[in-house]
C-alpha atoms as a PDB file:
ATOM      1  CA  MET A   1     -25.506  88.592  75.696  1.00  0.00           C
ATOM      2  CA  LYS A   2     -23.598  91.713  76.725  1.00  0.00           C
ATOM      3  CA  LYS A   3     -26.255  93.926  75.104  1.00  0.00           C
ATOM      4  CA  LEU A   4     -29.013  92.043  76.922  1.00  0.00           C
ATOM      5  CA  SER A   5     -27.172  92.541  80.236  1.00  0.00           C
ATOM      6  CA  ILE A   6     -26.848  96.260  79.543  1.00  0.00           C
ATOM      7  CA  LEU A   7     -30.539  96.412  78.620  1.00  0.00           C
ATOM      8  CA  LEU A   8     -31.550  94.731  81.865  1.00  0.00           C
ATOM      9  CA  LEU A   9     -29.238  97.008  83.864  1.00  0.00           C
ATOM     10  CA  SER A  10     -30.676 100.075  82.135  1.00  0.00           C
ATOM     11  CA  GLY A  11     -34.226  98.865  82.738  1.00  0.00           C
ATOM     12  CA  CYS A  12     -33.496  98.321  86.423  1.00  0.00           C
ATOM     13  CA  MET A  13     -31.918 101.771  86.657  1.00  0.00           C
ATOM     14  CA  LEU A  14     -34.954 103.291  84.957  1.00  0.00           C
ATOM     15  CA  ILE A  15     -37.357 101.650  87.400  1.00  0.00           C
ATOM     16  CA  ALA A  16     -35.162 102.564  90.385  1.00  0.00           C
ATOM     17  CA  PHE A  17     -34.911 106.209  89.345  1.00  0.00           C
ATOM     18  CA  ALA A  18     -38.631 106.404  88.616  1.00  0.00           C
ATOM     19  CA  SER A  19     -39.524 105.067  92.050  1.00  0.00           C
ATOM     20  CA  CYS A  20     -37.051 107.205  94.004  1.00  0.00           C
ATOM     21  CA  LYS A  21     -37.833 110.518  95.572  1.00  0.00           C
ATOM     22  CA  LYS A  22     -35.312 113.306  95.415  1.00  0.00           C
ATOM     23  CA  SER A  23     -33.096 113.735  98.422  1.00  0.00           C
ATOM     24  CA  SER A  24     -32.060 117.117  99.708  1.00  0.00           C
ATOM     25  CA  SER A  25     -28.833 115.603 101.000  1.00  0.00           C
ATOM     26  CA  GLY A  26     -27.379 115.367  97.493  1.00  0.00           C
ATOM     27  CA  SER A  27     -25.123 112.646  96.147  1.00  0.00           C
ATOM     28  CA  PRO A  28     -21.550 112.260  95.001  1.00  0.00           C
ATOM     29  CA  SER A  29     -21.839 114.132  91.730  1.00  0.00           C
ATOM     30  CA  SER A  30     -20.177 117.043  90.058  1.00  0.00           C
ATOM     31  CA  GLY A  31     -23.311 119.007  89.356  1.00  0.00           C
ATOM     32  CA  GLY A  32     -25.795 117.628  91.857  1.00  0.00           C
ATOM     33  CA  ASN A  33     -29.357 116.593  91.147  1.00  0.00           C
ATOM     34  CA  GLY A  34     -31.702 118.761  89.149  1.00  0.00           C
ATOM     35  CA  THR A  35     -34.653 118.879  86.828  1.00  0.00           C
ATOM     36  CA  GLY A  36     -35.407 119.832  83.268  1.00  0.00           C
ATOM     37  CA  THR A  37     -37.672 119.099  80.331  1.00  0.00           C
ATOM     38  CA  ILE A  38     -37.742 116.093  77.992  1.00  0.00           C
ATOM     39  CA  THR A  39     -40.054 115.929  74.977  1.00  0.00           C
ATOM     40  CA  GLY A  40     -40.774 113.177  72.497  1.00  0.00           C
ATOM     41  CA  SER A  41     -42.808 112.669  69.349  1.00  0.00           C
ATOM     42  CA  GLY A  42     -43.365 109.913  66.819  1.00  0.00           C
ATOM     43  CA  GLY A  43     -44.294 106.465  68.139  1.00  0.00           C
ATOM     44  CA  ALA A  44     -44.518 107.980  71.620  1.00  0.00           C
ATOM     45  CA  THR A  45     -45.563 111.582  72.265  1.00  0.00           C
ATOM     46  CA  PHE A  46     -44.814 113.228  75.600  1.00  0.00           C
ATOM     47  CA  SER A  47     -43.513 116.287  77.396  1.00  0.00           C
ATOM     48  CA  VAL A  48     -42.314 116.017  80.981  1.00  0.00           C
ATOM     49  CA  SER A  49     -40.744 118.665  83.184  1.00  0.00           C
ATOM     50  CA  GLY A  50     -40.172 119.801  86.756  1.00  0.00           C
ATOM     51  CA  ASN A  51     -40.564 117.159  89.454  1.00  0.00           C
ATOM     52  CA  SER A  52     -41.331 114.529  86.808  1.00  0.00           C
ATOM     53  CA  THR A  53     -37.713 114.740  85.654  1.00  0.00           C
ATOM     54  CA  PHE A  54     -34.408 113.898  87.278  1.00  0.00           C
ATOM     55  CA  PHE A  55     -31.146 115.112  85.736  1.00  0.00           C
ATOM     56  CA  GLN A  56     -27.872 114.005  87.291  1.00  0.00           C
ATOM     57  CA  LYS A  57     -24.172 114.135  86.457  1.00  0.00           C
ATOM     58  CA  LYS A  58     -21.890 111.711  88.310  1.00  0.00           C
ATOM     59  CA  LEU A  59     -18.119 111.343  88.412  1.00  0.00           C
ATOM     60  CA  PRO A  60     -16.678 108.692  88.090  1.00  0.00           C
ATOM     61  CA  ASN A  61     -18.855 105.818  86.897  1.00  0.00           C
ATOM     62  CA  THR A  62     -18.161 102.105  86.594  1.00  0.00           C
ATOM     63  CA  THR A  63     -20.775  99.766  85.155  1.00  0.00           C
ATOM     64  CA  GLY A  64     -19.573  96.174  84.927  1.00  0.00           C
ATOM     65  CA  ASN A  65     -16.408  96.261  82.883  1.00  0.00           C
ATOM     66  CA  ILE A  66     -17.085  99.769  81.551  1.00  0.00           C
ATOM     67  CA  THR A  67     -15.315 102.645  83.260  1.00  0.00           C
ATOM     68  CA  SER A  68     -16.170 106.184  82.293  1.00  0.00           C
ATOM     69  CA  ASP A  69     -15.224 109.579  83.589  1.00  0.00           C
ATOM     70  CA  THR A  70     -18.734 110.970  83.392  1.00  0.00           C
ATOM     71  CA  LEU A  71     -22.294 109.644  83.515  1.00  0.00           C
ATOM     72  CA  ILE A  72     -25.084 112.069  82.696  1.00  0.00           C
ATOM     73  CA  SER A  73     -28.502 110.538  83.293  1.00  0.00           C
ATOM     74  CA  LEU A  74     -31.699 112.278  82.181  1.00  0.00           C
ATOM     75  CA  LEU A  75     -34.878 110.593  83.425  1.00  0.00           C
ATOM     76  CA  GLY A  76     -38.441 111.616  82.665  1.00  0.00           C
ATOM     77  CA  THR A  77     -41.375 109.892  84.359  1.00  0.00           C
ATOM     78  CA  ILE A  78     -44.184 110.389  81.858  1.00  0.00           C
ATOM     79  CA  SER A  79     -46.942 108.581  83.782  1.00  0.00           C
ATOM     80  CA  ALA A  80     -47.289 106.253  86.753  1.00  0.00           C
ATOM     81  CA  SER A  81     -50.188 104.202  85.404  1.00  0.00           C
ATOM     82  CA  PRO A  82     -49.437 102.747  83.012  1.00  0.00           C
ATOM     83  CA  VAL A  83     -45.752 103.113  83.822  1.00  0.00           C
ATOM     84  CA  GLN A  84     -44.205 105.250  81.093  1.00  0.00           C
ATOM     85  CA  ALA A  85     -40.714 106.726  81.362  1.00  0.00           C
ATOM     86  CA  ILE A  86     -37.659 107.643  79.313  1.00  0.00           C
ATOM     87  CA  ASN A  87     -34.021 107.496  80.390  1.00  0.00           C
ATOM     88  CA  ILE A  88     -31.256 109.079  78.306  1.00  0.00           C
ATOM     89  CA  GLN A  89     -27.752 108.123  79.455  1.00  0.00           C
ATOM     90  CA  LEU A  90     -24.592 109.797  78.186  1.00  0.00           C
ATOM     91  CA  TYR A  91     -21.177 108.308  78.961  1.00  0.00           C
ATOM     92  CA  ASP A  92     -17.965 110.336  78.726  1.00  0.00           C
ATOM     93  CA  VAL A  93     -19.793 113.156  76.955  1.00  0.00           C
ATOM     94  CA  SER A  94     -18.258 116.477  77.950  1.00  0.00           C
ATOM     95  CA  SER A  95     -18.628 118.597  74.815  1.00  0.00           C
ATOM     96  CA  THR A  96     -21.182 119.476  72.175  1.00  0.00           C
ATOM     97  CA  GLY A  97     -21.506 117.053  69.294  1.00  0.00           C
ATOM     98  CA  THR A  98     -23.466 114.113  67.905  1.00  0.00           C
ATOM     99  CA  TYR A  99     -23.161 110.744  69.620  1.00  0.00           C
ATOM    100  CA  SER A 100     -24.401 107.293  68.599  1.00  0.00           C
ATOM    101  CA  LEU A 101     -27.166 105.679  70.643  1.00  0.00           C
ATOM    102  CA  SER A 102     -25.778 102.202  69.956  1.00  0.00           C
ATOM    103  CA  GLY A 103     -24.871 101.539  73.563  1.00  0.00           C
ATOM    104  CA  ILE A 104     -22.459 102.163  76.380  1.00  0.00           C
ATOM    105  CA  THR A 105     -19.585 100.058  75.143  1.00  0.00           C
ATOM    106  CA  SER A 106     -17.141 102.827  74.260  1.00  0.00           C
ATOM    107  CA  PRO A 107     -16.187 106.316  75.400  1.00  0.00           C
ATOM    108  CA  SER A 108     -18.425 109.154  74.251  1.00  0.00           C
ATOM    109  CA  SER A 109     -21.482 106.977  73.814  1.00  0.00           C
ATOM    110  CA  ALA A 110     -25.124 107.030  74.803  1.00  0.00           C
ATOM    111  CA  ALA A 111     -28.215 104.888  75.218  1.00  0.00           C
ATOM    112  CA  ILE A 112     -31.946 105.455  75.582  1.00  0.00           C
ATOM    113  CA  VAL A 113     -34.376 103.241  77.463  1.00  0.00           C
ATOM    114  CA  TYR A 114     -38.097 103.874  77.013  1.00  0.00           C
ATOM    115  CA  ASN A 115     -40.462 101.965  79.278  1.00  0.00           C
ATOM    116  CA  TYR A 116     -44.162 101.614  78.551  1.00  0.00           C
ATOM    117  CA  ASN A 117     -46.558  99.373  80.462  1.00  0.00           C
ATOM    118  CA  ASP A 118     -43.987  96.756  81.543  1.00  0.00           C
ATOM    119  CA  SER A 119     -42.207  96.706  78.156  1.00  0.00           C
ATOM    120  CA  SER A 120     -38.682  98.069  77.909  1.00  0.00           C
ATOM    121  CA  TYR A 121     -37.506  99.479  74.605  1.00  0.00           C
ATOM    122  CA  THR A 122     -33.860 100.425  74.138  1.00  0.00           C
ATOM    123  CA  SER A 123     -31.675 101.961  71.476  1.00  0.00           C
ATOM    124  CA  ILE A 124     -29.060  99.281  72.216  1.00  0.00           C
ATOM    125  CA  LEU A 125     -31.200  96.572  70.567  1.00  0.00           C
ATOM    126  CA  ALA A 126     -32.352  98.666  67.617  1.00  0.00           C
ATOM    127  CA  VAL A 127     -31.144  97.997  64.071  1.00  0.00           C
ATOM    128  CA  SER A 128     -30.979 101.797  63.547  1.00  0.00           C
ATOM    129  CA  PRO A 129     -30.235 103.136  67.052  1.00  0.00           C
ATOM    130  CA  GLY A 130     -30.030 106.805  66.047  1.00  0.00           C
ATOM    131  CA  THR A 131     -28.149 109.668  67.639  1.00  0.00           C
ATOM    132  CA  VAL A 132     -28.214 112.221  70.408  1.00  0.00           C
ATOM    133  CA  THR A 133     -26.907 115.718  69.686  1.00  0.00           C
ATOM    134  CA  VAL A 134     -25.660 117.819  72.591  1.00  0.00           C
ATOM    135  CA  THR A 135     -26.056 121.462  71.557  1.00  0.00           C
ATOM    136  CA  ALA A 136     -24.930 123.025  74.853  1.00  0.00           C
ATOM    137  CA  ILE A 137     -23.200 121.575  77.909  1.00  0.00           C
ATOM    138  CA  SER A 138     -21.647 123.061  81.036  1.00  0.00           C
ATOM    139  CA  ALA A 139     -20.657 121.898  84.502  1.00  0.00           C
ATOM    140  CA  ASN A 140     -24.289 122.275  85.617  1.00  0.00           C
ATOM    141  CA  SER A 141     -26.544 122.007  82.556  1.00  0.00           C
ATOM    142  CA  ILE A 142     -27.189 120.265  79.236  1.00  0.00           C
ATOM    143  CA  THR A 143     -29.363 120.872  76.154  1.00  0.00           C
ATOM    144  CA  GLY A 144     -29.840 118.773  73.058  1.00  0.00           C
ATOM    145  CA  THR A 145     -31.938 116.637  70.754  1.00  0.00           C
ATOM    146  CA  TYR A 146     -32.292 112.932  70.016  1.00  0.00           C
ATOM    147  CA  SER A 147     -33.709 110.747  67.279  1.00  0.00           C
ATOM    148  CA  THR A 148     -33.884 106.978  67.695  1.00  0.00           C
ATOM    149  CA  THR A 149     -35.708 103.778  67.004  1.00  0.00           C
ATOM    150  CA  VAL A 150     -35.965 101.861  70.270  1.00  0.00           C
ATOM    151  CA  SER A 151     -36.617  98.126  70.254  1.00  0.00           C
ATOM    152  CA  THR A 152     -37.667  95.355  72.625  1.00  0.00           C
ATOM    153  CA  VAL A 153     -35.951  91.975  72.866  1.00  0.00           C
ATOM    154  CA  ALA A 154     -38.792  90.678  70.648  1.00  0.00           C
ATOM    155  CA  HIS A 155     -37.872  93.390  68.071  1.00  0.00           C
ATOM    156  CA  THR A 156     -40.967  95.542  68.484  1.00  0.00           C
ATOM    157  CA  ASN A 157     -39.868  99.023  67.409  1.00  0.00           C
ATOM    158  CA  ILE A 158     -40.924 102.573  68.246  1.00  0.00           C
ATOM    159  CA  SER A 159     -39.390 105.653  66.594  1.00  0.00           C
ATOM    160  CA  ILE A 160     -39.003 108.650  68.894  1.00  0.00           C
ATOM    161  CA  SER A 161     -37.367 112.038  68.468  1.00  0.00           C
ATOM    162  CA  GLY A 162     -37.305 114.928  70.853  1.00  0.00           C
ATOM    163  CA  THR A 163     -35.449 117.451  72.953  1.00  0.00           C
ATOM    164  CA  PHE A 164     -33.974 117.739  76.432  1.00  0.00           C
ATOM    165  CA  THR A 165     -32.780 120.648  78.511  1.00  0.00           C
ATOM    166  CA  GLY A 166     -32.064 120.998  82.196  1.00  0.00           C
ATOM    167  CA  ASN A 167     -29.746 121.451  85.116  1.00  0.00           C
ATOM    168  CA  TYR A 168     -27.976 118.814  87.165  1.00  0.00           C
END
């Protein structure tokens, strides 16, 4: 039930971020709001960059009963019709390394939500959730790779791997 709640929260966040326009007024974050590039191949192939992306680093973050020092959210809106987007979320990740995509239930963890035509796929529900590797990180930027199998509640799976790089 907890995983389903996190999935629904992530899906709502994905839709909210995808429908929001950037604000020049900023937000309470350590690095601000920025853009970058996210690519994917496998079951879904895409490359999004510039205004179709939204990279943000926030301090602190509380989600339900989870408290983390850092939330880095990388959103790519691939298309508006049909709705297609990817959201990579990193919790308490402040150094290079490889992190599990099994969910946001512990420090130094991550999750991916991929939305396609009203179906939400997430690494949290996958049998083999995969990993994200951060190859470079600073106060204002992040670069890395990911490889995951994302799954729906009905256990429909898509394998995706790709890269991300950008400023927040």
